Amino acid sequence: MMKIYHNPRCSKSRQGLAILKDSKVTFDTVEYLKNPISKEELTNIIKLLGIKPIDLVRKNEAIWKENYKGKELSDDDIIEAMVSNPKLIERPIVVHNGKAVIGRPPEIIKTLL
């Protein structure tokens, strides 16, 4: 089952959601600000993306700048920061068939269709 981790307030996330709707595929929408992602699930998403946890962080968010920027953080610390502050998670993320992409630009989502 295809899944999109979505923030309705984000224009790129809305564009990504529109791509999925237009493609007529069946998918689940996870509004991760309302239904936070567990540490285990986020760790799995990062593995599917094939990136380091820091590469999934929105570094321009005030929460990051005020609480984490410039500190020496382990991968686990960074994942904990995103679980505790879901606004820090880059979006949208689409997961399908053991693969995942960050929809920036949103068109990259089409590679999973």
N, C-alpha and C. Protein backbone atom coordinates (compact mmCIF):
# COMPACT_ATOMS: atom_id res chain seq x y z
N MET A 1 0.84 -1.19 0.00
CA MET A 1 0.00 0.00 0.00
C MET A 1 0.88 1.25 0.00
N MET A 2 0.59 2.16 -0.89
CA MET A 2 1.32 3.42 -0.96
C MET A 2 0.85 4.30 0.20
N LYS A 3 1.80 5.08 0.72
CA LYS A 3 1.49 5.95 1.86
C LYS A 3 2.19 7.28 1.65
N ILE A 4 1.47 8.39 1.93
CA ILE A 4 2.08 9.71 1.89
C ILE A 4 2.02 10.31 3.29
N TYR A 5 3.17 10.78 3.73
CA TYR A 5 3.25 11.51 5.00
C TYR A 5 3.10 12.97 4.62
N HIS A 6 2.00 13.56 5.06
CA HIS A 6 1.50 14.81 4.50
C HIS A 6 1.27 15.87 5.58
N ASN A 7 1.59 17.10 5.20
CA ASN A 7 1.27 18.27 6.02
C ASN A 7 0.42 19.19 5.15
N PRO A 8 -0.88 19.30 5.43
CA PRO A 8 -1.76 20.09 4.57
C PRO A 8 -1.40 21.58 4.49
N ARG A 9 -0.60 22.06 5.41
CA ARG A 9 -0.22 23.48 5.37
C ARG A 9 0.96 23.74 4.44
N CYS A 10 1.57 22.68 3.93
CA CYS A 10 2.76 22.79 3.08
C CYS A 10 2.35 22.67 1.61
N SER A 11 2.72 23.66 0.79
CA SER A 11 2.33 23.65 -0.62
C SER A 11 2.94 22.46 -1.37
N LYS A 12 4.18 22.11 -1.09
CA LYS A 12 4.81 20.96 -1.76
C LYS A 12 4.09 19.67 -1.38
N SER A 13 3.68 19.57 -0.14
CA SER A 13 2.95 18.40 0.32
C SER A 13 1.59 18.32 -0.38
N ARG A 14 0.91 19.45 -0.51
CA ARG A 14 -0.38 19.46 -1.21
C ARG A 14 -0.20 19.08 -2.68
N GLN A 15 0.89 19.56 -3.29
CA GLN A 15 1.17 19.20 -4.68
C GLN A 15 1.43 17.70 -4.81
N GLY A 16 2.17 17.15 -3.86
CA GLY A 16 2.44 15.71 -3.86
C GLY A 16 1.17 14.90 -3.73
N LEU A 17 0.29 15.32 -2.85
CA LEU A 17 -0.99 14.65 -2.65
C LEU A 17 -1.80 14.71 -3.94
N ALA A 18 -1.79 15.84 -4.62
CA ALA A 18 -2.53 15.99 -5.88
C ALA A 18 -1.99 15.02 -6.94
N ILE A 19 -0.68 14.84 -6.99
CA ILE A 19 -0.09 13.89 -7.95
C ILE A 19 -0.63 12.49 -7.69
N LEU A 20 -0.68 12.09 -6.43
CA LEU A 20 -1.20 10.76 -6.10
C LEU A 20 -2.68 10.64 -6.46
N LYS A 21 -3.46 11.66 -6.14
CA LYS A 21 -4.89 11.62 -6.47
C LYS A 21 -5.10 11.54 -7.98
N ASP A 22 -4.34 12.33 -8.73
CA ASP A 22 -4.47 12.34 -10.18
C ASP A 22 -4.05 11.02 -10.81
N SER A 23 -3.17 10.29 -10.14
CA SER A 23 -2.67 9.02 -10.69
C SER A 23 -3.65 7.87 -10.49
N LYS A 24 -4.70 8.11 -9.70
CA LYS A 24 -5.74 7.12 -9.44
C LYS A 24 -5.23 5.87 -8.70
N VAL A 25 -4.09 5.99 -8.02
CA VAL A 25 -3.60 4.86 -7.22
C VAL A 25 -4.26 4.89 -5.84
N THR A 26 -4.30 3.75 -5.20
CA THR A 26 -4.82 3.67 -3.84
C THR A 26 -3.68 3.98 -2.87
N PHE A 27 -3.93 4.87 -1.93
CA PHE A 27 -2.89 5.24 -0.97
C PHE A 27 -3.51 5.69 0.34
N ASP A 28 -2.71 5.62 1.37
CA ASP A 28 -3.10 6.13 2.68
C ASP A 28 -2.43 7.48 2.89
N THR A 29 -3.12 8.38 3.54
CA THR A 29 -2.56 9.68 3.89
C THR A 29 -2.33 9.72 5.39
N VAL A 30 -1.10 10.05 5.78
CA VAL A 30 -0.77 10.19 7.19
C VAL A 30 -0.47 11.66 7.45
N GLU A 31 -1.37 12.31 8.15
CA GLU A 31 -1.10 13.70 8.56
C GLU A 31 -0.28 13.61 9.84
N TYR A 32 1.04 13.61 9.66
CA TYR A 32 1.94 13.27 10.76
C TYR A 32 1.99 14.34 11.86
N LEU A 33 1.46 15.52 11.62
CA LEU A 33 1.39 16.51 12.71
C LEU A 33 0.22 16.17 13.64
N LYS A 34 -0.83 15.55 13.10
CA LYS A 34 -1.98 15.13 13.92
C LYS A 34 -1.74 13.74 14.51
N ASN A 35 -1.11 12.87 13.72
CA ASN A 35 -0.84 11.49 14.13
C ASN A 35 0.66 11.24 14.03
N PRO A 36 1.39 11.60 15.07
CA PRO A 36 2.85 11.54 15.02
C PRO A 36 3.40 10.16 14.64
N ILE A 37 4.52 10.19 13.96
CA ILE A 37 5.21 8.98 13.52
C ILE A 37 6.01 8.44 14.70
N SER A 38 5.97 7.13 14.89
CA SER A 38 6.76 6.53 15.96
C SER A 38 8.24 6.53 15.58
N LYS A 39 9.08 6.37 16.56
CA LYS A 39 10.52 6.32 16.33
C LYS A 39 10.85 5.16 15.39
N GLU A 40 10.22 4.03 15.62
CA GLU A 40 10.47 2.85 14.79
C GLU A 40 10.07 3.10 13.33
N GLU A 41 8.91 3.71 13.14
CA GLU A 41 8.43 4.00 11.79
C GLU A 41 9.34 5.02 11.10
N LEU A 42 9.74 6.05 11.81
CA LEU A 42 10.61 7.07 11.22
C LEU A 42 11.97 6.47 10.87
N THR A 43 12.49 5.62 11.73
CA THR A 43 13.77 4.96 11.45
C THR A 43 13.67 4.12 10.18
N ASN A 44 12.55 3.43 10.02
CA ASN A 44 12.33 2.62 8.82
C ASN A 44 12.23 3.50 7.57
N ILE A 45 11.53 4.62 7.66
CA ILE A 45 11.41 5.54 6.53
C ILE A 45 12.79 6.04 6.11
N ILE A 46 13.61 6.40 7.07
CA ILE A 46 14.95 6.89 6.77
C ILE A 46 15.76 5.82 6.05
N LYS A 47 15.63 4.58 6.49
CA LYS A 47 16.33 3.46 5.80
C LYS A 47 15.83 3.33 4.37
N LEU A 48 14.51 3.41 4.17
CA LEU A 48 13.96 3.29 2.82
C LEU A 48 14.42 4.44 1.93
N LEU A 49 14.57 5.62 2.52
CA LEU A 49 15.04 6.78 1.76
C LEU A 49 16.53 6.66 1.41
N GLY A 50 17.26 5.88 2.23
CA GLY A 50 18.69 5.72 1.99
C GLY A 50 19.49 6.97 2.32
N ILE A 51 19.05 7.69 3.35
CA ILE A 51 19.72 8.92 3.75
C ILE A 51 20.09 8.87 5.23
N LYS A 52 20.86 9.85 5.66
CA LYS A 52 21.16 10.02 7.07
C LYS A 52 19.99 10.79 7.69
N PRO A 53 19.71 10.58 8.96
CA PRO A 53 18.61 11.30 9.61
C PRO A 53 18.69 12.82 9.44
N ILE A 54 19.88 13.38 9.50
CA ILE A 54 20.02 14.85 9.38
C ILE A 54 19.49 15.36 8.04
N ASP A 55 19.50 14.48 7.00
CA ASP A 55 19.04 14.89 5.68
C ASP A 55 17.52 14.97 5.58
N LEU A 56 16.82 14.53 6.61
CA LEU A 56 15.36 14.61 6.63
C LEU A 56 14.87 15.78 7.49
N VAL A 57 15.81 16.50 8.09
CA VAL A 57 15.47 17.60 8.99
C VAL A 57 15.28 18.90 8.23
N ARG A 58 14.20 19.61 8.58
CA ARG A 58 13.97 20.96 8.04
C ARG A 58 14.78 21.91 8.92
N LYS A 59 15.97 22.24 8.46
CA LYS A 59 16.93 22.99 9.27
C LYS A 59 16.58 24.47 9.43
N ASN A 60 15.62 24.97 8.66
CA ASN A 60 15.22 26.37 8.81
C ASN A 60 14.08 26.57 9.81
N GLU A 61 13.58 25.48 10.35
CA GLU A 61 12.52 25.60 11.36
C GLU A 61 13.09 26.21 12.64
N ALA A 62 12.31 27.07 13.27
CA ALA A 62 12.74 27.73 14.50
C ALA A 62 13.10 26.70 15.58
N ILE A 63 12.33 25.63 15.67
CA ILE A 63 12.59 24.60 16.68
C ILE A 63 14.01 24.06 16.52
N TRP A 64 14.42 23.82 15.28
CA TRP A 64 15.77 23.31 15.02
C TRP A 64 16.81 24.34 15.42
N LYS A 65 16.63 25.56 14.93
CA LYS A 65 17.61 26.62 15.18
C LYS A 65 17.78 26.90 16.67
N GLU A 66 16.67 26.90 17.39
CA GLU A 66 16.71 27.26 18.81
C GLU A 66 17.20 26.13 19.72
N ASN A 67 16.94 24.89 19.32
CA ASN A 67 17.21 23.77 20.23
C ASN A 67 18.30 22.80 19.81
N TYR A 68 18.60 22.74 18.52
CA TYR A 68 19.49 21.67 18.05
C TYR A 68 20.67 22.15 17.22
N LYS A 69 20.51 23.24 16.50
CA LYS A 69 21.55 23.70 15.59
C LYS A 69 22.87 23.92 16.34
N GLY A 70 23.95 23.42 15.72
CA GLY A 70 25.28 23.62 16.29
C GLY A 70 25.66 22.63 17.38
N LYS A 71 24.72 21.77 17.77
CA LYS A 71 25.03 20.78 18.81
C LYS A 71 25.50 19.49 18.15
N GLU A 72 26.33 18.75 18.87
CA GLU A 72 26.74 17.45 18.36
C GLU A 72 25.67 16.44 18.69
N LEU A 73 25.01 15.96 17.65
CA LEU A 73 23.89 15.04 17.83
C LEU A 73 24.16 13.73 17.10
N SER A 74 23.85 12.63 17.74
CA SER A 74 23.95 11.33 17.08
C SER A 74 22.74 11.16 16.16
N ASP A 75 22.79 10.16 15.29
CA ASP A 75 21.63 9.87 14.44
C ASP A 75 20.40 9.62 15.29
N ASP A 76 20.57 8.90 16.39
CA ASP A 76 19.46 8.61 17.29
C ASP A 76 18.89 9.89 17.91
N ASP A 77 19.78 10.82 18.28
CA ASP A 77 19.33 12.11 18.83
C ASP A 77 18.49 12.87 17.80
N ILE A 78 18.92 12.83 16.55
CA ILE A 78 18.21 13.54 15.49
C ILE A 78 16.85 12.92 15.24
N ILE A 79 16.79 11.60 15.24
CA ILE A 79 15.50 10.92 15.07
C ILE A 79 14.58 11.26 16.24
N GLU A 80 15.10 11.25 17.45
CA GLU A 80 14.30 11.63 18.63
C GLU A 80 13.77 13.05 18.49
N ALA A 81 14.61 13.96 17.99
CA ALA A 81 14.19 15.36 17.80
C ALA A 81 13.02 15.44 16.84
N MET A 82 13.07 14.65 15.75
CA MET A 82 11.98 14.67 14.77
C MET A 82 10.71 14.02 15.33
N VAL A 83 10.87 12.96 16.11
CA VAL A 83 9.70 12.31 16.71
C VAL A 83 9.03 13.27 17.71
N SER A 84 9.84 13.98 18.48
CA SER A 84 9.31 14.93 19.47
C SER A 84 8.76 16.20 18.83
N ASN A 85 9.31 16.56 17.66
CA ASN A 85 8.93 17.80 16.96
C ASN A 85 8.68 17.48 15.49
N PRO A 86 7.53 16.90 15.16
CA PRO A 86 7.29 16.45 13.79
C PRO A 86 7.39 17.55 12.73
N LYS A 87 7.27 18.82 13.14
CA LYS A 87 7.44 19.92 12.18
C LYS A 87 8.83 19.90 11.54
N LEU A 88 9.77 19.23 12.21
CA LEU A 88 11.14 19.18 11.69
C LEU A 88 11.29 18.21 10.52
N ILE A 89 10.30 17.38 10.27
CA ILE A 89 10.41 16.36 9.22
C ILE A 89 10.11 16.98 7.86
N GLU A 90 11.04 16.78 6.93
CA GLU A 90 10.86 17.22 5.55
C GLU A 90 9.63 16.53 4.98
N ARG A 91 8.93 17.21 4.10
CA ARG A 91 7.70 16.64 3.55
C ARG A 91 7.51 17.08 2.11
N PRO A 92 6.65 16.35 1.40
CA PRO A 92 6.01 15.10 1.76
C PRO A 92 6.95 13.93 1.57
N ILE A 93 6.65 12.84 2.23
CA ILE A 93 7.39 11.58 2.04
C ILE A 93 6.37 10.58 1.51
N VAL A 94 6.75 9.88 0.45
CA VAL A 94 5.89 8.83 -0.09
C VAL A 94 6.64 7.51 -0.01
N VAL A 95 5.95 6.49 0.50
CA VAL A 95 6.52 5.16 0.66
C VAL A 95 5.67 4.18 -0.14
N HIS A 96 6.36 3.30 -0.91
CA HIS A 96 5.64 2.32 -1.70
C HIS A 96 6.58 1.18 -2.10
N ASN A 97 6.12 -0.05 -1.88
CA ASN A 97 6.87 -1.25 -2.30
C ASN A 97 8.33 -1.24 -1.86
N GLY A 98 8.57 -0.91 -0.61
CA GLY A 98 9.93 -0.96 -0.08
C GLY A 98 10.83 0.18 -0.53
N LYS A 99 10.24 1.21 -1.11
CA LYS A 99 11.00 2.39 -1.55
C LYS A 99 10.33 3.63 -0.98
N ALA A 100 11.10 4.71 -0.90
CA ALA A 100 10.55 5.97 -0.40
C ALA A 100 11.24 7.14 -1.09
N VAL A 101 10.51 8.24 -1.22
CA VAL A 101 11.08 9.48 -1.76
C VAL A 101 10.56 10.65 -0.94
N ILE A 102 11.36 11.69 -0.89
CA ILE A 102 10.92 12.98 -0.37
C ILE A 102 10.43 13.76 -1.58
N GLY A 103 9.20 14.21 -1.55
CA GLY A 103 8.59 14.87 -2.70
C GLY A 103 9.03 16.30 -2.89
N ARG A 104 10.31 16.51 -3.05
CA ARG A 104 10.87 17.83 -3.33
C ARG A 104 11.89 17.68 -4.44
N PRO A 105 11.50 18.00 -5.65
CA PRO A 105 10.20 18.54 -6.08
C PRO A 105 9.13 17.45 -6.09
N PRO A 106 7.86 17.85 -6.03
CA PRO A 106 6.78 16.88 -5.95
C PRO A 106 6.77 15.86 -7.09
N GLU A 107 7.26 16.24 -8.27
CA GLU A 107 7.25 15.36 -9.43
C GLU A 107 8.03 14.07 -9.19
N ILE A 108 8.98 14.08 -8.26
CA ILE A 108 9.77 12.89 -7.97
C ILE A 108 8.89 11.74 -7.47
N ILE A 109 7.73 12.07 -6.94
CA ILE A 109 6.79 11.05 -6.47
C ILE A 109 6.40 10.12 -7.61
N LYS A 110 6.37 10.63 -8.82
CA LYS A 110 5.97 9.82 -9.98
C LYS A 110 6.90 8.63 -10.19
N THR A 111 8.12 8.68 -9.65
CA THR A 111 9.04 7.56 -9.81
C THR A 111 8.56 6.33 -9.06
N LEU A 112 7.65 6.50 -8.11
CA LEU A 112 7.12 5.37 -7.35
C LEU A 112 5.82 4.82 -7.92
N LEU A 113 5.27 5.51 -8.90
CA LEU A 113 3.96 5.08 -9.45
C LEU A 113 4.12 3.96 -10.46
